Amino acid sequence: MNAYLGEFVGTMILIILGAGAGASINLNKAYAKGQGWLYIGFAWGMAVAFGVYVAAAFGAPGHLNPAFTIGAAISGLISWHQVVGFIIAQMLGAFLGAAIVVVHFYPHFKATKNAAEGNMVGIFATKPAINNPIYNFVSEVIATFTFTYITFNLGDFTTGLKPFIVGFVIFAVGISLGSTTGYALNPARDWGPRLAYTILPVPNKTAAHWEYAWVPMCGPIVGGIIAALLFNLQ
């Protein structure tokens, strides 16, 4: 049970820090309002690093990501019987992390009246720079493949300074490949917070854009599978 709890808590930390950065740059009267892509890339990289550290402290593999978990099972790095439990834990942790961000930034959501001012689902979930679902899907496949394949080749990435290396992999993927879709790389990172934005009483909230949500669900899973299949050939 500790491993499942670790995936839950680690993913919660991931979203608190990552979506917290999203709220900071978008919501009115936040000191970081208007910061740019490097800020976001670095914030999400460090969010992953610290999430991995927390998960590992519970004895969890530190995936924090259903696409990575499925790829790890294909590669024999974890047992298939763990997959469903890990994914449920990751989704629930992501939802709770987003709920905590809503509470933390509640006055700023009240001060941000609409999407044009920055109150949008993009604080929590991804959206494409150019809405082209097929190419958006391909972008998520490529970005997730790149991240997952590199990380598989790090071996046990939960020890020593390796979580920071994983964080810098996320940073590198984000600033190089992530500007097309916001680089979900992770269905839990997108769907849990998107659901939280949808159902929680967020002041002045706007559309959650579930019509796009299949892309950050399916693209990362396909990318993770391809990375695992290539890794198995080594």
Protein backbone atom coordinates (compact mmCIF):
# COMPACT_ATOMS: atom_id res chain seq x y z
CA MET A 1 0.00 0.00 0.00
CA ASN A 2 2.91 2.38 0.62
CA ALA A 3 3.79 2.35 -3.07
CA TYR A 4 0.25 3.38 -4.05
CA LEU A 5 0.24 6.07 -1.36
CA GLY A 6 3.58 7.30 -2.67
CA GLU A 7 2.22 7.67 -6.20
CA PHE A 8 -0.79 9.53 -4.77
CA VAL A 9 1.21 11.96 -2.63
CA GLY A 10 3.99 12.42 -5.18
CA THR A 11 1.50 13.30 -7.93
CA MET A 12 -0.28 15.68 -5.56
CA ILE A 13 3.02 17.51 -4.97
CA LEU A 14 3.67 17.55 -8.72
CA ILE A 15 0.38 19.34 -9.37
CA ILE A 16 0.60 21.71 -6.40
CA LEU A 17 3.91 23.02 -7.73
CA GLY A 18 3.16 22.80 -11.47
CA ALA A 19 -0.39 24.14 -11.47
CA GLY A 20 0.67 26.62 -8.80
CA ALA A 21 3.10 28.06 -11.32
CA GLY A 22 0.30 28.17 -13.89
CA ALA A 23 -1.89 30.12 -11.47
CA SER A 24 0.97 32.44 -10.59
CA ILE A 25 1.58 33.57 -14.17
CA ASN A 26 -2.07 33.85 -15.18
CA LEU A 27 -4.14 35.17 -12.29
CA ASN A 28 -4.54 38.85 -11.55
CA LYS A 29 -2.54 40.40 -8.70
CA ALA A 30 -0.19 37.42 -8.40
CA TYR A 31 3.42 38.66 -8.29
CA ALA A 32 4.49 36.33 -11.12
CA LYS A 33 1.72 37.45 -13.49
CA GLY A 34 2.98 37.53 -17.06
CA GLN A 35 6.11 35.40 -16.63
CA GLY A 36 7.14 33.40 -19.69
CA TRP A 37 7.78 29.93 -21.06
CA LEU A 38 11.14 29.39 -19.34
CA TYR A 39 9.46 30.06 -15.99
CA ILE A 40 6.83 27.40 -16.74
CA GLY A 41 9.37 24.92 -18.06
CA PHE A 42 11.59 25.20 -15.01
CA ALA A 43 8.64 25.10 -12.61
CA TRP A 44 7.26 21.88 -14.09
CA GLY A 45 10.72 20.32 -14.15
CA MET A 46 11.23 21.00 -10.46
CA ALA A 47 7.66 19.91 -9.73
CA VAL A 48 8.44 16.50 -11.23
CA ALA A 49 11.78 16.26 -9.39
CA PHE A 50 10.27 16.93 -5.98
CA GLY A 51 7.26 14.73 -6.71
CA VAL A 52 9.62 11.86 -7.47
CA TYR A 53 11.53 12.43 -4.23
CA VAL A 54 8.31 12.35 -2.21
CA ALA A 55 7.00 9.25 -3.96
CA ALA A 56 10.30 7.44 -3.49
CA ALA A 57 10.21 8.15 0.26
CA PHE A 58 7.12 5.91 0.40
CA GLY A 59 8.83 3.18 -1.62
CA ALA A 60 6.94 4.03 -4.80
CA PRO A 61 8.58 3.94 -8.26
CA GLY A 62 7.94 7.67 -8.72
CA HIS A 63 6.15 7.43 -12.06
CA LEU A 64 3.46 10.05 -11.22
CA ASN A 65 2.18 9.37 -14.73
CA PRO A 66 -0.13 6.67 -16.18
CA ALA A 67 1.67 6.74 -19.54
CA PHE A 68 5.01 6.08 -17.83
CA THR A 69 3.44 3.38 -15.66
CA ILE A 70 2.06 1.54 -18.70
CA GLY A 71 5.42 1.83 -20.46
CA ALA A 72 7.20 0.52 -17.35
CA ALA A 73 4.92 -2.51 -17.26
CA ILE A 74 5.60 -3.23 -20.94
CA SER A 75 9.32 -3.05 -20.22
CA GLY A 76 9.04 -5.35 -17.21
CA LEU A 77 10.09 -2.64 -14.75
CA ILE A 78 6.92 -3.16 -12.68
CA SER A 79 4.29 -5.88 -12.49
CA TRP A 80 1.11 -5.51 -14.53
CA HIS A 81 -1.00 -6.11 -11.41
CA GLN A 82 0.26 -2.77 -10.03
CA VAL A 83 -0.76 -0.70 -13.05
CA VAL A 84 -4.41 -0.02 -12.27
CA GLY A 85 -3.70 0.87 -8.65
CA PHE A 86 -0.89 3.23 -9.61
CA ILE A 87 -3.04 4.96 -12.22
CA ILE A 88 -5.94 5.44 -9.80
CA ALA A 89 -3.54 6.85 -7.19
CA GLN A 90 -1.99 9.23 -9.73
CA MET A 91 -5.37 10.50 -10.92
CA LEU A 92 -6.63 11.08 -7.38
CA GLY A 93 -3.39 12.77 -6.35
CA ALA A 94 -3.57 15.10 -9.34
CA PHE A 95 -7.17 16.03 -8.52
CA LEU A 96 -6.31 16.79 -4.90
CA GLY A 97 -3.25 18.80 -5.90
CA ALA A 98 -5.40 20.96 -8.17
CA ALA A 99 -7.99 21.42 -5.42
CA ILE A 100 -5.25 22.68 -3.10
CA VAL A 101 -4.15 25.19 -5.76
CA VAL A 102 -7.74 26.44 -6.04
CA VAL A 103 -7.84 27.07 -2.29
CA HIS A 104 -4.41 28.71 -2.25
CA PHE A 105 -5.23 31.12 -5.10
CA TYR A 106 -8.94 31.60 -4.31
CA PRO A 107 -8.78 35.41 -3.92
CA HIS A 108 -6.85 35.63 -7.19
CA PHE A 109 -9.47 33.59 -9.01
CA LYS A 110 -12.05 36.04 -7.66
CA ALA A 111 -9.93 38.92 -8.98
CA THR A 112 -9.62 37.35 -12.46
CA LYS A 113 -13.00 37.73 -14.13
CA ASN A 114 -12.67 35.77 -17.36
CA ALA A 115 -10.42 33.81 -19.71
CA ALA A 116 -9.11 36.98 -21.34
CA GLU A 117 -7.77 38.07 -17.94
CA GLY A 118 -6.25 34.62 -17.30
CA ASN A 119 -8.92 32.59 -15.50
CA MET A 120 -8.79 29.53 -17.75
CA VAL A 121 -8.40 25.77 -17.63
CA GLY A 122 -4.87 26.25 -18.99
CA ILE A 123 -3.79 27.04 -15.43
CA PHE A 124 -4.40 23.37 -14.66
CA ALA A 125 -4.50 21.45 -17.93
CA THR A 126 -3.08 21.73 -21.43
CA LYS A 127 -4.35 23.40 -24.56
CA PRO A 128 -2.82 23.66 -28.05
CA ALA A 129 -1.15 26.77 -29.41
CA ILE A 130 -2.78 25.92 -32.76
CA ASN A 131 -5.88 23.77 -32.54
CA ASN A 132 -5.14 20.90 -34.92
CA PRO A 133 -6.09 17.69 -33.06
CA ILE A 134 -4.17 15.25 -35.25
CA TYR A 135 -0.92 17.21 -35.10
CA ASN A 136 -1.56 17.99 -31.42
CA PHE A 137 -1.83 14.23 -30.82
CA VAL A 138 1.40 13.62 -32.75
CA SER A 139 3.15 16.34 -30.74
CA GLU A 140 2.16 14.65 -27.47
CA VAL A 141 3.32 11.27 -28.80
CA ILE A 142 6.73 12.67 -29.78
CA ALA A 143 7.26 14.66 -26.58
CA THR A 144 6.20 11.79 -24.31
CA PHE A 145 8.28 9.27 -26.24
CA THR A 146 11.32 11.51 -25.84
CA PHE A 147 10.83 12.04 -22.13
CA THR A 148 9.98 8.40 -21.38
CA TYR A 149 12.78 6.87 -23.43
CA ILE A 150 15.42 9.13 -21.89
CA THR A 151 14.11 8.43 -18.39
CA PHE A 152 14.05 4.65 -18.90
CA ASN A 153 17.74 4.88 -19.75
CA LEU A 154 18.53 6.57 -16.43
CA GLY A 155 17.90 3.32 -14.55
CA ASP A 156 16.58 3.84 -11.02
CA PHE A 157 15.82 7.55 -11.18
CA THR A 158 14.56 7.88 -7.59
CA THR A 159 17.97 7.91 -5.87
CA GLY A 160 20.58 10.58 -5.24
CA LEU A 161 20.39 13.50 -7.64
CA LYS A 162 18.62 11.55 -10.37
CA PRO A 163 15.18 13.07 -9.64
CA PHE A 164 16.73 16.42 -10.55
CA ILE A 165 18.03 14.90 -13.78
CA VAL A 166 14.46 13.79 -14.54
CA GLY A 167 13.33 17.33 -13.76
CA PHE A 168 15.82 18.73 -16.24
CA VAL A 169 14.64 16.20 -18.84
CA ILE A 170 11.14 17.63 -18.36
CA PHE A 171 12.57 21.14 -18.64
CA ALA A 172 14.45 20.26 -21.86
CA VAL A 173 11.42 18.58 -23.43
CA GLY A 174 9.22 21.51 -22.40
CA ILE A 175 11.34 24.26 -23.90
CA SER A 176 12.13 22.30 -27.07
CA LEU A 177 8.93 20.36 -27.87
CA GLY A 178 6.32 21.61 -25.43
CA SER A 179 5.32 24.90 -27.00
CA THR A 180 2.87 23.28 -29.43
CA THR A 181 0.51 21.70 -26.89
CA GLY A 182 1.74 22.67 -23.45
CA TYR A 183 3.34 19.20 -23.18
CA ALA A 184 0.98 17.21 -20.99
CA LEU A 185 3.23 14.10 -21.19
CA ASN A 186 0.96 12.70 -18.50
CA PRO A 187 -2.78 11.90 -18.56
CA ALA A 188 -3.09 12.34 -14.78
CA ARG A 189 -1.41 15.74 -14.89
CA ASP A 190 -4.05 16.87 -17.38
CA TRP A 191 -7.27 15.01 -16.53
CA GLY A 192 -7.16 15.26 -12.72
CA PRO A 193 -6.72 19.05 -12.69
CA ARG A 194 -9.10 19.53 -15.64
CA LEU A 195 -11.77 17.65 -13.68
CA ALA A 196 -11.04 19.72 -10.57
CA TYR A 197 -11.47 22.95 -12.55
CA THR A 198 -14.72 21.56 -13.96
CA ILE A 199 -16.48 20.48 -10.78
CA LEU A 200 -15.03 22.62 -7.98
CA PRO A 201 -16.52 26.05 -7.18
CA VAL A 202 -13.71 28.06 -8.78
CA PRO A 203 -14.71 31.75 -8.93
CA ASN A 204 -15.24 33.12 -12.45
CA LYS A 205 -14.14 29.87 -14.07
CA THR A 206 -14.47 29.44 -17.81
CA ALA A 207 -14.74 26.44 -20.16
CA ALA A 208 -12.80 23.26 -19.32
CA HIS A 209 -12.55 22.25 -23.02
CA TRP A 210 -13.14 18.53 -22.62
CA GLU A 211 -13.41 18.26 -26.40
CA TYR A 212 -9.59 18.47 -26.46
CA ALA A 213 -8.95 16.20 -23.49
CA TRP A 214 -8.55 13.00 -25.56
CA VAL A 215 -5.24 14.38 -26.88
CA PRO A 216 -3.41 14.60 -23.51
CA MET A 217 -4.90 11.22 -22.59
CA CYS A 218 -4.12 9.21 -25.72
CA GLY A 219 -0.98 10.92 -27.04
CA PRO A 220 1.15 10.33 -23.93
CA ILE A 221 0.02 6.71 -23.63
CA VAL A 222 1.02 6.00 -27.23
CA GLY A 223 4.34 7.82 -26.74
CA GLY A 224 5.05 5.83 -23.58
CA ILE A 225 4.29 2.53 -25.33
CA ILE A 226 6.62 3.34 -28.23
CA ALA A 227 9.40 4.29 -25.81
CA ALA A 228 8.96 1.01 -23.93
CA LEU A 229 9.03 -1.06 -27.12
CA LEU A 230 12.25 0.63 -28.26
CA PHE A 231 13.79 0.24 -24.81
CA ASN A 232 13.01 -3.50 -24.94
CA LEU A 233 15.13 -3.81 -28.09
CA GLN A 234 18.27 -2.62 -26.31
